[in-house]
PDB file of all heavy atoms in Angstrom:
ATOM      1  N   ASN A   1      58.107  63.989 128.003  1.00  0.00           N
ATOM      2  CA  ASN A   1      56.844  63.569 128.214  1.00  0.00           C
ATOM      3  C   ASN A   1      55.828  64.761 127.878  1.00  0.00           C
ATOM      4  O   ASN A   1      54.714  64.845 128.642  1.00  0.00           O
ATOM      5  CB  ASN A   1      56.535  63.063 129.556  1.00  0.00           C
ATOM      6  CG  ASN A   1      56.815  64.128 130.678  1.00  0.00           C
ATOM      7  OD1 ASN A   1      57.410  65.042 130.391  1.00  0.00           O
ATOM      8  ND2 ASN A   1      56.311  63.703 131.837  1.00  0.00           N
ATOM      9  N   SER A   2      56.188  65.703 127.152  1.00  0.00           N
ATOM     10  CA  SER A   2      55.361  66.863 126.721  1.00  0.00           C
ATOM     11  C   SER A   2      55.644  67.396 125.429  1.00  0.00           C
ATOM     12  O   SER A   2      56.767  67.320 124.937  1.00  0.00           O
ATOM     13  CB  SER A   2      55.537  67.903 127.853  1.00  0.00           C
ATOM     14  OG  SER A   2      56.684  68.497 127.684  1.00  0.00           O
ATOM     15  N   LEU A   3      54.623  67.813 124.667  1.00  0.00           N
ATOM     16  CA  LEU A   3      54.796  68.448 123.402  1.00  0.00           C
ATOM     17  C   LEU A   3      54.104  69.818 123.460  1.00  0.00           C
ATOM     18  O   LEU A   3      53.142  70.037 124.130  1.00  0.00           O
ATOM     19  CB  LEU A   3      54.176  67.601 122.287  1.00  0.00           C
ATOM     20  CG  LEU A   3      54.916  66.358 121.924  1.00  0.00           C
ATOM     21  CD1 LEU A   3      54.175  65.553 120.877  1.00  0.00           C
ATOM     22  CD2 LEU A   3      56.320  66.553 121.376  1.00  0.00           C
ATOM     23  N   GLN A   4      54.666  70.875 122.660  1.00  0.00           N
ATOM     24  CA  GLN A   4      54.050  72.162 122.564  1.00  0.00           C
ATOM     25  C   GLN A   4      53.525  72.340 121.286  1.00  0.00           C
ATOM     26  O   GLN A   4      54.277  72.055 120.212  1.00  0.00           O
ATOM     27  CB  GLN A   4      55.124  73.219 123.009  1.00  0.00           C
ATOM     28  CG  GLN A   4      54.465  74.610 123.171  1.00  0.00           C
ATOM     29  CD  GLN A   4      55.541  75.650 123.620  1.00  0.00           C
ATOM     30  OE1 GLN A   4      56.674  75.494 123.396  1.00  0.00           O
ATOM     31  NE2 GLN A   4      54.976  76.656 124.237  1.00  0.00           N
ATOM     32  N   PHE A   5      52.275  72.640 121.140  1.00  0.00           N
ATOM     33  CA  PHE A   5      51.580  72.970 119.750  1.00  0.00           C
ATOM     34  C   PHE A   5      51.180  74.467 119.797  1.00  0.00           C
ATOM     35  O   PHE A   5      50.933  75.084 120.798  1.00  0.00           O
ATOM     36  CB  PHE A   5      50.425  72.032 119.605  1.00  0.00           C
ATOM     37  CG  PHE A   5      50.858  70.493 119.570  1.00  0.00           C
ATOM     38  CD1 PHE A   5      50.974  69.640 120.701  1.00  0.00           C
ATOM     39  CD2 PHE A   5      51.037  70.131 118.227  1.00  0.00           C
ATOM     40  CE1 PHE A   5      51.115  68.369 120.582  1.00  0.00           C
ATOM     41  CE2 PHE A   5      51.297  68.719 118.213  1.00  0.00           C
ATOM     42  CZ  PHE A   5      51.399  67.856 119.259  1.00  0.00           C
ATOM     43  N   TYR A   6      51.067  74.737 118.447  1.00  0.00           N
ATOM     44  CA  TYR A   6      50.277  76.075 118.202  1.00  0.00           C
ATOM     45  C   TYR A   6      48.961  75.457 117.720  1.00  0.00           C
ATOM     46  O   TYR A   6      48.813  74.707 116.797  1.00  0.00           O
ATOM     47  CB  TYR A   6      50.928  76.956 117.093  1.00  0.00           C
ATOM     48  CG  TYR A   6      50.093  78.091 116.633  1.00  0.00           C
ATOM     49  CD1 TYR A   6      49.890  79.220 117.483  1.00  0.00           C
ATOM     50  CD2 TYR A   6      49.266  77.926 115.591  1.00  0.00           C
ATOM     51  CE1 TYR A   6      49.177  80.155 117.119  1.00  0.00           C
ATOM     52  CE2 TYR A   6      48.457  78.964 115.176  1.00  0.00           C
ATOM     53  CZ  TYR A   6      48.367  80.152 115.943  1.00  0.00           C
ATOM     54  OH  TYR A   6      47.487  81.078 115.668  1.00  0.00           O
ATOM     55  N   ARG A   7      47.890  75.926 118.274  1.00  0.00           N
ATOM     56  CA  ARG A   7      46.550  75.561 117.885  1.00  0.00           C
ATOM     57  C   ARG A   7      45.584  76.601 117.578  1.00  0.00           C
ATOM     58  O   ARG A   7      45.810  77.749 118.141  1.00  0.00           O
ATOM     59  CB  ARG A   7      45.818  74.746 119.027  1.00  0.00           C
ATOM     60  CG  ARG A   7      45.649  75.528 120.284  1.00  0.00           C
ATOM     61  CD  ARG A   7      44.928  74.736 121.360  1.00  0.00           C
ATOM     62  NE  ARG A   7      44.684  75.603 122.637  1.00  0.00           N
ATOM     63  CZ  ARG A   7      43.996  75.089 123.685  1.00  0.00           C
ATOM     64  NH1 ARG A   7      43.592  73.837 123.551  1.00  0.00           N
ATOM     65  NH2 ARG A   7      43.794  75.855 124.696  1.00  0.00           N
ATOM     66  N   ALA A   8      44.849  76.499 116.591  1.00  0.00           N
ATOM     67  CA  ALA A   8      43.862  77.514 115.967  1.00  0.00           C
ATOM     68  C   ALA A   8      42.776  76.962 115.232  1.00  0.00           C
ATOM     69  O   ALA A   8      42.868  75.761 114.818  1.00  0.00           O
ATOM     70  CB  ALA A   8      44.740  78.632 115.239  1.00  0.00           C
ATOM     71  N   ARG A   9      41.726  77.693 115.121  1.00  0.00           N
ATOM     72  CA  ARG A   9      40.580  77.304 114.345  1.00  0.00           C
ATOM     73  C   ARG A   9      40.504  77.949 112.974  1.00  0.00           C
ATOM     74  O   ARG A   9      41.019  79.164 112.930  1.00  0.00           O
ATOM     75  CB  ARG A   9      39.345  77.799 115.096  1.00  0.00           C
ATOM     76  CG  ARG A   9      37.951  77.165 114.591  1.00  0.00           C
ATOM     77  CD  ARG A   9      36.805  77.747 115.408  1.00  0.00           C
ATOM     78  NE  ARG A   9      35.568  77.196 114.984  1.00  0.00           N
ATOM     79  CZ  ARG A   9      34.930  76.005 115.288  1.00  0.00           C
ATOM     80  NH1 ARG A   9      35.601  75.337 116.299  1.00  0.00           N
ATOM     81  NH2 ARG A   9      33.714  75.780 114.936  1.00  0.00           N
ATOM     82  N   THR A  10      40.314  77.242 111.964  1.00  0.00           N
ATOM     83  CA  THR A  10      40.445  77.796 110.529  1.00  0.00           C
ATOM     84  C   THR A  10      39.328  78.969 110.506  1.00  0.00           C
ATOM     85  O   THR A  10      38.227  78.800 111.036  1.00  0.00           O
ATOM     86  CB  THR A  10      40.110  76.670 109.523  1.00  0.00           C
ATOM     87  OG1 THR A  10      38.784  76.124 109.726  1.00  0.00           O
ATOM     88  CG2 THR A  10      41.229  75.753 109.587  1.00  0.00           C
ATOM     89  N   ALA A  11      39.747  79.834 109.604  1.00  0.00           N
ATOM     90  CA  ALA A  11      38.722  80.936 109.442  1.00  0.00           C
ATOM     91  C   ALA A  11      37.575  80.619 108.507  1.00  0.00           C
ATOM     92  O   ALA A  11      36.385  81.095 108.717  1.00  0.00           O
ATOM     93  CB  ALA A  11      39.467  82.257 108.856  1.00  0.00           C
ATOM     94  N   ASP A  12      37.834  79.620 107.568  1.00  0.00           N
ATOM     95  CA  ASP A  12      36.710  79.280 106.751  1.00  0.00           C
ATOM     96  C   ASP A  12      35.906  78.084 107.217  1.00  0.00           C
ATOM     97  O   ASP A  12      36.580  77.297 107.901  1.00  0.00           O
ATOM     98  CB  ASP A  12      37.435  78.940 105.365  1.00  0.00           C
ATOM     99  CG  ASP A  12      38.154  80.036 104.724  1.00  0.00           C
ATOM    100  OD1 ASP A  12      37.685  81.207 104.983  1.00  0.00           O
ATOM    101  OD2 ASP A  12      39.185  79.848 103.967  1.00  0.00           O
ATOM    102  N   THR A  13      34.743  78.008 106.777  1.00  0.00           N
ATOM    103  CA  THR A  13      33.832  76.816 107.026  1.00  0.00           C
ATOM    104  C   THR A  13      33.865  75.995 105.790  1.00  0.00           C
ATOM    105  O   THR A  13      33.624  76.401 104.731  1.00  0.00           O
ATOM    106  CB  THR A  13      32.393  77.323 107.438  1.00  0.00           C
ATOM    107  OG1 THR A  13      32.539  78.049 108.603  1.00  0.00           O
ATOM    108  CG2 THR A  13      31.566  75.958 107.766  1.00  0.00           C
ATOM    109  N   PHE A  14      34.188  74.698 105.957  1.00  0.00           N
ATOM    110  CA  PHE A  14      34.243  73.796 104.690  1.00  0.00           C
ATOM    111  C   PHE A  14      33.089  72.933 104.693  1.00  0.00           C
ATOM    112  O   PHE A  14      32.437  72.467 105.683  1.00  0.00           O
ATOM    113  CB  PHE A  14      35.576  72.919 104.977  1.00  0.00           C
ATOM    114  CG  PHE A  14      36.837  73.628 104.996  1.00  0.00           C
ATOM    115  CD1 PHE A  14      37.475  73.934 106.146  1.00  0.00           C
ATOM    116  CD2 PHE A  14      37.408  74.180 103.736  1.00  0.00           C
ATOM    117  CE1 PHE A  14      38.549  74.684 106.298  1.00  0.00           C
ATOM    118  CE2 PHE A  14      38.655  74.962 103.874  1.00  0.00           C
ATOM    119  CZ  PHE A  14      39.242  75.173 105.001  1.00  0.00           C
ATOM    120  N   THR A  15      32.706  72.626 103.327  1.00  0.00           N
ATOM    121  CA  THR A  15      31.531  71.864 103.205  1.00  0.00           C
ATOM    122  C   THR A  15      31.849  70.308 103.242  1.00  0.00           C
ATOM    123  O   THR A  15      33.038  69.941 103.350  1.00  0.00           O
ATOM    124  CB  THR A  15      31.000  71.982 101.643  1.00  0.00           C
ATOM    125  OG1 THR A  15      31.917  71.627 100.741  1.00  0.00           O
ATOM    126  CG2 THR A  15      30.704  73.521 101.446  1.00  0.00           C
ATOM    127  N   SER A  16      30.809  69.502 103.194  1.00  0.00           N
ATOM    128  CA  SER A  16      30.970  68.111 103.464  1.00  0.00           C
ATOM    129  C   SER A  16      31.850  67.566 102.289  1.00  0.00           C
ATOM    130  O   SER A  16      32.743  66.679 102.503  1.00  0.00           O
ATOM    131  CB  SER A  16      29.597  67.296 103.578  1.00  0.00           C
ATOM    132  OG  SER A  16      29.824  65.964 103.662  1.00  0.00           O
ATOM    133  N   ALA A  17      31.632  68.080 101.089  1.00  0.00           N
ATOM    134  CA  ALA A  17      32.378  67.480  99.931  1.00  0.00           C
ATOM    135  C   ALA A  17      33.792  67.917 100.057  1.00  0.00           C
ATOM    136  O   ALA A  17      34.678  67.073  99.674  1.00  0.00           O
ATOM    137  CB  ALA A  17      31.637  68.106  98.671  1.00  0.00           C
ATOM    138  N   GLN A  18      34.095  69.142 100.539  1.00  0.00           N
ATOM    139  CA  GLN A  18      35.411  69.548 100.547  1.00  0.00           C
ATOM    140  C   GLN A  18      36.141  68.737 101.568  1.00  0.00           C
ATOM    141  O   GLN A  18      37.282  68.412 101.501  1.00  0.00           O
ATOM    142  CB  GLN A  18      35.530  71.034 100.935  1.00  0.00           C
ATOM    143  CG  GLN A  18      35.073  72.013  99.937  1.00  0.00           C
ATOM    144  CD  GLN A  18      34.960  73.436 100.276  1.00  0.00           C
ATOM    145  OE1 GLN A  18      34.545  73.652 101.454  1.00  0.00           O
ATOM    146  NE2 GLN A  18      35.372  74.361  99.424  1.00  0.00           N
ATOM    147  N   LEU A  19      35.491  68.423 102.642  1.00  0.00           N
ATOM    148  CA  LEU A  19      36.081  67.645 103.765  1.00  0.00           C
ATOM    149  C   LEU A  19      36.264  66.160 103.313  1.00  0.00           C
ATOM    150  O   LEU A  19      37.314  65.650 103.749  1.00  0.00           O
ATOM    151  CB  LEU A  19      35.051  67.581 105.017  1.00  0.00           C
ATOM    152  CG  LEU A  19      35.019  69.007 105.769  1.00  0.00           C
ATOM    153  CD1 LEU A  19      33.951  68.949 106.833  1.00  0.00           C
ATOM    154  CD2 LEU A  19      36.472  69.524 106.069  1.00  0.00           C
ATOM    155  N   GLN A  20      35.396  65.592 102.516  1.00  0.00           N
ATOM    156  CA  GLN A  20      35.617  64.295 102.052  1.00  0.00           C
ATOM    157  C   GLN A  20      36.793  64.328 101.040  1.00  0.00           C
ATOM    158  O   GLN A  20      37.652  63.275 101.018  1.00  0.00           O
ATOM    159  CB  GLN A  20      34.312  63.840 101.241  1.00  0.00           C
ATOM    160  CG  GLN A  20      34.388  62.449 100.796  1.00  0.00           C
ATOM    161  CD  GLN A  20      33.201  61.903 100.204  1.00  0.00           C
ATOM    162  OE1 GLN A  20      32.186  62.623 100.191  1.00  0.00           O
ATOM    163  NE2 GLN A  20      33.204  60.733  99.540  1.00  0.00           N
ATOM    164  N   GLN A  21      36.828  65.260 100.127  1.00  0.00           N
ATOM    165  CA  GLN A  21      38.060  65.453  99.322  1.00  0.00           C
ATOM    166  C   GLN A  21      39.287  65.622 100.046  1.00  0.00           C
ATOM    167  O   GLN A  21      40.300  64.955  99.688  1.00  0.00           O
ATOM    168  CB  GLN A  21      37.875  66.653  98.345  1.00  0.00           C
ATOM    169  CG  GLN A  21      39.094  66.846  97.439  1.00  0.00           C
ATOM    170  CD  GLN A  21      39.013  68.185  96.788  1.00  0.00           C
ATOM    171  OE1 GLN A  21      37.960  68.904  96.756  1.00  0.00           O
ATOM    172  NE2 GLN A  21      39.975  68.543  95.925  1.00  0.00           N
ATOM    173  N   TYR A  22      39.258  66.246 101.158  1.00  0.00           N
ATOM    174  CA  TYR A  22      40.537  66.441 101.918  1.00  0.00           C
ATOM    175  C   TYR A  22      40.917  65.280 102.804  1.00  0.00           C
ATOM    176  O   TYR A  22      42.087  64.900 102.944  1.00  0.00           O
ATOM    177  CB  TYR A  22      40.250  67.675 102.843  1.00  0.00           C
ATOM    178  CG  TYR A  22      41.531  68.045 103.651  1.00  0.00           C
ATOM    179  CD1 TYR A  22      42.560  68.641 103.135  1.00  0.00           C
ATOM    180  CD2 TYR A  22      41.449  67.989 105.034  1.00  0.00           C
ATOM    181  CE1 TYR A  22      43.732  68.970 103.821  1.00  0.00           C
ATOM    182  CE2 TYR A  22      42.669  68.314 105.836  1.00  0.00           C
ATOM    183  CZ  TYR A  22      43.682  68.820 105.091  1.00  0.00           C
ATOM    184  OH  TYR A  22      44.828  69.189 105.910  1.00  0.00           O
ATOM    185  N   SER A  23      39.913  64.579 103.404  1.00  0.00           N
ATOM    186  CA  SER A  23      40.213  63.568 104.301  1.00  0.00           C
ATOM    187  C   SER A  23      39.822  62.160 103.876  1.00  0.00           C
ATOM    188  O   SER A  23      40.302  61.231 104.454  1.00  0.00           O
ATOM    189  CB  SER A  23      39.529  63.726 105.741  1.00  0.00           C
ATOM    190  OG  SER A  23      38.180  63.732 105.472  1.00  0.00           O
ATOM    191  N   GLY A  24      38.950  62.068 102.830  1.00  0.00           N
ATOM    192  CA  GLY A  24      38.569  60.756 102.387  1.00  0.00           C
ATOM    193  C   GLY A  24      37.416  60.151 103.221  1.00  0.00           C
ATOM    194  O   GLY A  24      36.970  59.078 103.182  1.00  0.00           O
ATOM    195  N   ILE A  25      36.753  61.036 104.278  1.00  0.00           N
ATOM    196  CA  ILE A  25      35.830  60.564 105.087  1.00  0.00           C
ATOM    197  C   ILE A  25      34.419  61.165 104.617  1.00  0.00           C
ATOM    198  O   ILE A  25      34.447  62.362 104.435  1.00  0.00           O
ATOM    199  CB  ILE A  25      36.056  60.934 106.520  1.00  0.00           C
ATOM    200  CG1 ILE A  25      37.431  60.393 106.911  1.00  0.00           C
ATOM    201  CG2 ILE A  25      34.929  60.527 107.480  1.00  0.00           C
ATOM    202  CD1 ILE A  25      37.820  60.851 108.385  1.00  0.00           C
ATOM    203  N   ALA A  26      33.431  60.383 104.380  1.00  0.00           N
ATOM    204  CA  ALA A  26      32.199  60.833 103.798  1.00  0.00           C
ATOM    205  C   ALA A  26      31.246  61.122 104.896  1.00  0.00           C
ATOM    206  O   ALA A  26      31.433  60.515 106.133  1.00  0.00           O
ATOM    207  CB  ALA A  26      31.558  59.812 102.802  1.00  0.00           C
ATOM    208  N   GLY A  27      30.309  62.025 104.645  1.00  0.00           N
ATOM    209  CA  GLY A  27      29.326  62.333 105.659  1.00  0.00           C
ATOM    210  C   GLY A  27      29.678  63.227 106.837  1.00  0.00           C
ATOM    211  O   GLY A  27      28.803  63.487 107.745  1.00  0.00           O
ATOM    212  N   LEU A  28      30.664  64.024 106.629  1.00  0.00           N
ATOM    213  CA  LEU A  28      31.014  65.004 107.693  1.00  0.00           C
ATOM    214  C   LEU A  28      30.293  66.264 107.436  1.00  0.00           C
ATOM    215  O   LEU A  28      30.081  66.706 106.313  1.00  0.00           O
ATOM    216  CB  LEU A  28      32.487  65.488 107.646  1.00  0.00           C
ATOM    217  CG  LEU A  28      33.491  64.173 108.087  1.00  0.00           C
ATOM    218  CD1 LEU A  28      34.940  64.758 107.687  1.00  0.00           C
ATOM    219  CD2 LEU A  28      33.423  63.980 109.572  1.00  0.00           C
ATOM    220  N   PRO A  29      29.741  66.777 108.419  1.00  0.00           N
ATOM    221  CA  PRO A  29      28.868  68.037 108.270  1.00  0.00           C
ATOM    222  C   PRO A  29      29.781  69.273 108.075  1.00  0.00           C
ATOM    223  O   PRO A  29      30.987  69.250 108.227  1.00  0.00           O
ATOM    224  CB  PRO A  29      28.170  68.149 109.660  1.00  0.00           C
ATOM    225  CG  PRO A  29      29.118  67.541 110.564  1.00  0.00           C
ATOM    226  CD  PRO A  29      29.644  66.321 109.917  1.00  0.00           C
ATOM    227  N   ASP A  30      29.205  70.239 107.446  1.00  0.00           N
ATOM    228  CA  ASP A  30      29.877  71.456 107.164  1.00  0.00           C
ATOM    229  C   ASP A  30      30.381  71.947 108.590  1.00  0.00           C
ATOM    230  O   ASP A  30      29.686  72.074 109.561  1.00  0.00           O
ATOM    231  CB  ASP A  30      29.056  72.505 106.559  1.00  0.00           C
ATOM    232  CG  ASP A  30      28.448  72.121 105.095  1.00  0.00           C
ATOM    233  OD1 ASP A  30      28.983  71.042 104.605  1.00  0.00           O
ATOM    234  OD2 ASP A  30      27.588  72.802 104.566  1.00  0.00           O
ATOM    235  N   GLN A  31      31.612  72.440 108.686  1.00  0.00           N
ATOM    236  CA  GLN A  31      32.269  72.833 109.853  1.00  0.00           C
ATOM    237  C   GLN A  31      33.621  73.516 109.611  1.00  0.00           C
ATOM    238  O   GLN A  31      34.232  73.453 108.473  1.00  0.00           O
ATOM    239  CB  GLN A  31      32.594  71.648 110.705  1.00  0.00           C
ATOM    240  CG  GLN A  31      33.486  70.611 110.094  1.00  0.00           C
ATOM    241  CD  GLN A  31      33.679  69.380 110.999  1.00  0.00           C
ATOM    242  OE1 GLN A  31      34.333  69.407 111.900  1.00  0.00           O
ATOM    243  NE2 GLN A  31      32.963  68.300 110.480  1.00  0.00           N
ATOM    244  N   GLN A  32      34.028  74.170 110.680  1.00  0.00           N
ATOM    245  CA  GLN A  32      35.254  74.779 110.731  1.00  0.00           C
ATOM    246  C   GLN A  32      36.278  73.727 111.403  1.00  0.00           C
ATOM    247  O   GLN A  32      35.877  72.896 112.304  1.00  0.00           O
ATOM    248  CB  GLN A  32      35.420  75.960 111.558  1.00  0.00           C
ATOM    249  CG  GLN A  32      34.712  77.316 111.065  1.00  0.00           C
ATOM    250  CD  GLN A  32      34.751  78.391 111.779  1.00  0.00           C
ATOM    251  OE1 GLN A  32      34.329  78.411 112.982  1.00  0.00           O
ATOM    252  NE2 GLN A  32      35.486  79.437 111.505  1.00  0.00           N
ATOM    253  N   LEU A  33      37.561  73.679 111.007  1.00  0.00           N
ATOM    254  CA  LEU A  33      38.572  72.585 111.544  1.00  0.00           C
ATOM    255  C   LEU A  33      39.407  73.242 112.522  1.00  0.00           C
ATOM    256  O   LEU A  33      39.606  74.462 112.559  1.00  0.00           O
ATOM    257  CB  LEU A  33      39.214  72.067 110.228  1.00  0.00           C
ATOM    258  CG  LEU A  33      38.419  71.420 109.199  1.00  0.00           C
ATOM    259  CD1 LEU A  33      39.346  70.865 108.145  1.00  0.00           C
ATOM    260  CD2 LEU A  33      37.463  70.291 109.743  1.00  0.00           C
ATOM    261  N   SER A  34      40.094  72.409 113.292  1.00  0.00           N
ATOM    262  CA  SER A  34      41.047  72.815 114.211  1.00  0.00           C
ATOM    263  C   SER A  34      42.429  72.290 113.765  1.00  0.00           C
ATOM    264  O   SER A  34      42.601  71.048 113.201  1.00  0.00           O
ATOM    265  CB  SER A  34      40.897  71.998 115.579  1.00  0.00           C
ATOM    266  OG  SER A  34      39.581  72.405 116.173  1.00  0.00           O
ATOM    267  N   VAL A  35      43.498  73.135 113.755  1.00  0.00           N
ATOM    268  CA  VAL A  35      44.784  72.831 113.305  1.00  0.00           C
ATOM    269  C   VAL A  35      45.780  72.948 114.491  1.00  0.00           C
ATOM    270  O   VAL A  35      45.858  73.931 115.241  1.00  0.00           O
ATOM    271  CB  VAL A  35      45.185  73.839 112.208  1.00  0.00           C
ATOM    272  CG1 VAL A  35      46.677  73.437 111.608  1.00  0.00           C
ATOM    273  CG2 VAL A  35      44.153  73.765 111.012  1.00  0.00           C
ATOM    274  N   TYR A  36      46.578  71.868 114.692  1.00  0.00           N
ATOM    275  CA  TYR A  36      47.652  71.859 115.616  1.00  0.00           C
ATOM    276  C   TYR A  36      48.960  71.710 114.831  1.00  0.00           C
ATOM    277  O   TYR A  36      49.036  70.773 113.948  1.00  0.00           O
ATOM    278  CB  TYR A  36      47.521  70.588 116.650  1.00  0.00           C
ATOM    279  CG  TYR A  36      46.546  70.775 117.599  1.00  0.00           C
ATOM    280  CD1 TYR A  36      45.081  70.563 117.355  1.00  0.00           C
ATOM    281  CD2 TYR A  36      46.866  71.066 118.964  1.00  0.00           C
ATOM    282  CE1 TYR A  36      44.109  70.682 118.395  1.00  0.00           C
ATOM    283  CE2 TYR A  36      45.978  71.158 119.960  1.00  0.00           C
ATOM    284  CZ  TYR A  36      44.703  71.010 119.733  1.00  0.00           C
ATOM    285  OH  TYR A  36      43.687  71.081 120.727  1.00  0.00           O
ATOM    286  N   THR A  37      49.849  72.687 115.012  1.00  0.00           N
ATOM    287  CA  THR A  37      51.134  72.529 114.425  1.00  0.00           C
ATOM    288  C   THR A  37      52.185  72.409 115.600  1.00  0.00           C
ATOM    289  O   THR A  37      52.127  73.178 116.545  1.00  0.00           O
ATOM    290  CB  THR A  37      51.513  73.910 113.506  1.00  0.00           C
ATOM    291  OG1 THR A  37      51.338  74.982 114.292  1.00  0.00           O
ATOM    292  CG2 THR A  37      50.660  73.822 112.277  1.00  0.00           C
ATOM    293  N   LEU A  38      53.164  71.495 115.390  1.00  0.00           N
ATOM    294  CA  LEU A  38      54.103  71.311 116.486  1.00  0.00           C
ATOM    295  C   LEU A  38      55.220  72.296 116.651  1.00  0.00           C
ATOM    296  O   LEU A  38      55.839  72.666 115.591  1.00  0.00           O
ATOM    297  CB  LEU A  38      54.844  69.952 116.267  1.00  0.00           C
ATOM    298  CG  LEU A  38      55.739  69.407 117.267  1.00  0.00           C
ATOM    299  CD1 LEU A  38      55.195  69.142 118.580  1.00  0.00           C
ATOM    300  CD2 LEU A  38      56.658  68.294 116.769  1.00  0.00           C
ATOM    301  N   VAL A  39      55.468  72.834 117.760  1.00  0.00           N
ATOM    302  CA  VAL A  39      56.513  73.748 118.054  1.00  0.00           C
ATOM    303  C   VAL A  39      57.689  72.794 118.551  1.00  0.00           C
ATOM    304  O   VAL A  39      57.746  72.390 119.622  1.00  0.00           O
ATOM    305  CB  VAL A  39      56.149  74.764 119.242  1.00  0.00           C
ATOM    306  CG1 VAL A  39      57.388  75.642 119.445  1.00  0.00           C
ATOM    307  CG2 VAL A  39      54.884  75.451 118.907  1.00  0.00           C
ATOM    308  N   ASP A  40      58.546  72.750 117.569  1.00  0.00           N
ATOM    309  CA  ASP A  40      59.791  71.848 117.734  1.00  0.00           C
ATOM    310  C   ASP A  40      60.860  72.601 118.690  1.00  0.00           C
ATOM    311  O   ASP A  40      61.615  73.397 118.167  1.00  0.00           O
ATOM    312  CB  ASP A  40      60.286  71.302 116.557  1.00  0.00           C
ATOM    313  CG  ASP A  40      61.437  70.321 116.583  1.00  0.00           C
ATOM    314  OD1 ASP A  40      61.525  69.802 117.841  1.00  0.00           O
ATOM    315  OD2 ASP A  40      62.007  69.929 115.736  1.00  0.00           O
ATOM    316  N   THR A  41      60.966  72.297 119.901  1.00  0.00           N
ATOM    317  CA  THR A  41      61.982  72.944 120.867  1.00  0.00           C
ATOM    318  C   THR A  41      63.152  72.150 121.097  1.00  0.00           C
ATOM    319  O   THR A  41      64.042  72.511 121.781  1.00  0.00           O
ATOM    320  CB  THR A  41      61.307  73.281 122.243  1.00  0.00           C
ATOM    321  OG1 THR A  41      60.868  72.024 122.787  1.00  0.00           O
ATOM    322  CG2 THR A  41      60.023  74.175 122.064  1.00  0.00           C
ATOM    323  N   ALA A  42      63.181  70.922 120.412  1.00  0.00           N
ATOM    324  CA  ALA A  42      64.270  70.128 120.601  1.00  0.00           C
ATOM    325  C   ALA A  42      65.578  70.696 120.014  1.00  0.00           C
ATOM    326  O   ALA A  42      66.753  70.631 120.691  1.00  0.00           O
ATOM    327  CB  ALA A  42      64.117  68.841 119.980  1.00  0.00           C
ATOM    328  N   GLN A  43      65.521  71.366 118.905  1.00  0.00           N
ATOM    329  CA  GLN A  43      66.705  71.939 118.317  1.00  0.00           C
ATOM    330  C   GLN A  43      67.182  73.185 119.189  1.00  0.00           C
ATOM    331  O   GLN A  43      68.336  73.259 119.474  1.00  0.00           O
ATOM    332  CB  GLN A  43      66.380  72.468 117.002  1.00  0.00           C
ATOM    333  CG  GLN A  43      67.576  73.102 116.232  1.00  0.00           C
ATOM    334  CD  GLN A  43      68.663  72.147 115.933  1.00  0.00           C
ATOM    335  OE1 GLN A  43      68.436  70.892 115.740  1.00  0.00           O
ATOM    336  NE2 GLN A  43      69.838  72.596 116.024  1.00  0.00           N
ATOM    337  N   ALA A  44      66.219  73.885 119.763  1.00  0.00           N
ATOM    338  CA  ALA A  44      66.603  75.094 120.708  1.00  0.00           C
ATOM    339  C   ALA A  44      67.345  74.550 121.891  1.00  0.00           C
ATOM    340  O   ALA A  44      68.335  75.059 122.315  1.00  0.00           O
ATOM    341  CB  ALA A  44      65.360  75.731 121.180  1.00  0.00           C
ATOM    342  N   GLU A  45      66.720  73.394 122.397  1.00  0.00           N
ATOM    343  CA  GLU A  45      67.350  72.897 123.639  1.00  0.00           C
ATOM    344  C   GLU A  45      68.766  72.239 123.284  1.00  0.00           C
ATOM    345  O   GLU A  45      69.746  72.403 124.168  1.00  0.00           O
ATOM    346  CB  GLU A  45      66.476  71.762 124.288  1.00  0.00           C
ATOM    347  CG  GLU A  45      65.074  72.288 124.824  1.00  0.00           C
ATOM    348  CD  GLU A  45      64.196  71.144 125.243  1.00  0.00           C
ATOM    349  OE1 GLU A  45      64.574  69.958 124.851  1.00  0.00           O
ATOM    350  OE2 GLU A  45      63.112  71.560 125.604  1.00  0.00           O
ATOM    351  N   ARG A  46      68.940  71.521 122.159  1.00  0.00           N
ATOM    352  CA  ARG A  46      70.221  71.115 121.885  1.00  0.00           C
ATOM    353  C   ARG A  46      71.272  72.176 121.578  1.00  0.00           C
ATOM    354  O   ARG A  46      72.493  72.111 122.024  1.00  0.00           O
ATOM    355  CB  ARG A  46      70.144  70.202 120.543  1.00  0.00           C
ATOM    356  CG  ARG A  46      69.386  68.739 120.910  1.00  0.00           C
ATOM    357  CD  ARG A  46      69.678  67.849 119.706  1.00  0.00           C
ATOM    358  NE  ARG A  46      69.220  68.372 118.429  1.00  0.00           N
ATOM    359  CZ  ARG A  46      68.046  68.256 117.922  1.00  0.00           C
ATOM    360  NH1 ARG A  46      67.001  67.645 118.779  1.00  0.00           N
ATOM    361  NH2 ARG A  46      67.494  68.687 116.851  1.00  0.00           N
TER     362      ARG A  46
END
C-alpha cells in the first residue's frame, strides 16, 4: 500500500505550444513541469 517515487521540477520552462504538442491539451500556460519516476523496490525485496 505504498509506492516510492523520485520527484523533481524540470529545469526548463515550457511554452503553451510545447505543452500542447507534448500532452495534446490546449490552453496550458507557460510553466515548469513536475516529474515523478517510480523507484521499483519489488525486485530488491524479492
